[in-house]
Amino acid sequence: MNINLVFQIAAVGIIVSVLAVVLRQSQRDEMAQLLTLAGVALVLGIVVKLVVDLFETVRTMFQLY
């Protein structure tokens, strides 16, 4: 696993949390919630790609077709 991937996920979390706090302070709670949901979806997409790569590696290693 690449350490840059961990930093990318952490950066997304930090940016989303800061922007959500700013939006909540400006009384835009709905937008903050949508932003948080978008951040979760982005990180989930990254994790799903990693899981797919893991399954492809396992399939290749055991020569499953």
Protein backbone atom coordinates (compact mmCIF):
# COMPACT_ATOMS: atom_id res chain seq x y z
CA MET A 1 0.00 0.00 0.00
CA ASN A 2 1.28 3.40 -0.89
CA ILE A 3 1.63 5.95 1.90
CA ASN A 4 0.51 8.69 -0.49
CA LEU A 5 -2.93 7.09 -0.54
CA VAL A 6 -3.23 7.50 3.23
CA PHE A 7 -2.24 11.15 2.89
CA GLN A 8 -4.82 11.66 0.12
CA ILE A 9 -7.60 10.24 2.27
CA ALA A 10 -6.46 12.32 5.25
CA ALA A 11 -6.33 15.45 3.08
CA VAL A 12 -9.88 14.87 1.86
CA GLY A 13 -11.03 14.47 5.46
CA ILE A 14 -9.30 17.64 6.63
CA ILE A 15 -10.57 19.75 3.73
CA VAL A 16 -14.12 18.46 4.07
CA SER A 17 -14.18 19.02 7.81
CA VAL A 18 -12.86 22.59 7.55
CA LEU A 19 -15.31 23.49 4.80
CA ALA A 20 -18.17 21.89 6.71
CA VAL A 21 -17.37 23.96 9.80
CA VAL A 22 -17.25 27.13 7.71
CA LEU A 23 -20.60 26.28 6.13
CA ARG A 24 -22.16 25.52 9.50
CA GLN A 25 -20.93 28.83 10.90
CA SER A 26 -22.62 30.63 8.02
CA GLN A 27 -25.94 28.87 8.79
CA ARG A 28 -25.78 26.57 5.75
CA ASP A 29 -26.23 23.26 7.52
CA GLU A 30 -27.77 21.50 4.51
CA MET A 31 -24.80 22.38 2.31
CA ALA A 32 -22.39 21.22 5.03
CA GLN A 33 -24.20 17.90 5.22
CA LEU A 34 -24.08 17.49 1.43
CA LEU A 35 -20.38 18.35 1.43
CA THR A 36 -19.73 15.73 4.11
CA LEU A 37 -21.68 13.16 2.12
CA ALA A 38 -19.67 14.01 -1.01
CA GLY A 39 -16.42 13.58 0.93
CA VAL A 40 -17.52 10.19 2.22
CA ALA A 41 -18.48 9.15 -1.32
CA LEU A 42 -15.09 10.27 -2.64
CA VAL A 43 -13.17 8.30 -0.02
CA LEU A 44 -15.46 5.30 -0.54
CA GLY A 45 -14.66 5.41 -4.26
CA ILE A 46 -10.94 5.34 -3.49
CA VAL A 47 -11.37 2.41 -1.10
CA VAL A 48 -13.57 0.46 -3.55
CA LYS A 49 -10.89 0.86 -6.24
CA LEU A 50 -8.31 -0.55 -3.82
CA VAL A 51 -10.53 -3.52 -2.98
CA VAL A 52 -11.04 -4.25 -6.69
CA ASP A 53 -7.28 -4.15 -7.21
CA LEU A 54 -6.83 -6.52 -4.25
CA PHE A 55 -9.31 -9.02 -5.71
CA GLU A 56 -7.62 -8.82 -9.11
CA THR A 57 -4.25 -9.52 -7.48
CA VAL A 58 -5.62 -12.50 -5.55
CA ARG A 59 -7.30 -13.85 -8.69
CA THR A 60 -4.08 -13.49 -10.67
CA MET A 61 -1.98 -15.03 -7.90
CA PHE A 62 -4.12 -18.14 -7.64
CA GLN A 63 -4.79 -18.21 -11.40
CA LEU A 64 -8.55 -18.08 -11.01
CA TYR A 65 -10.45 -17.18 -14.15
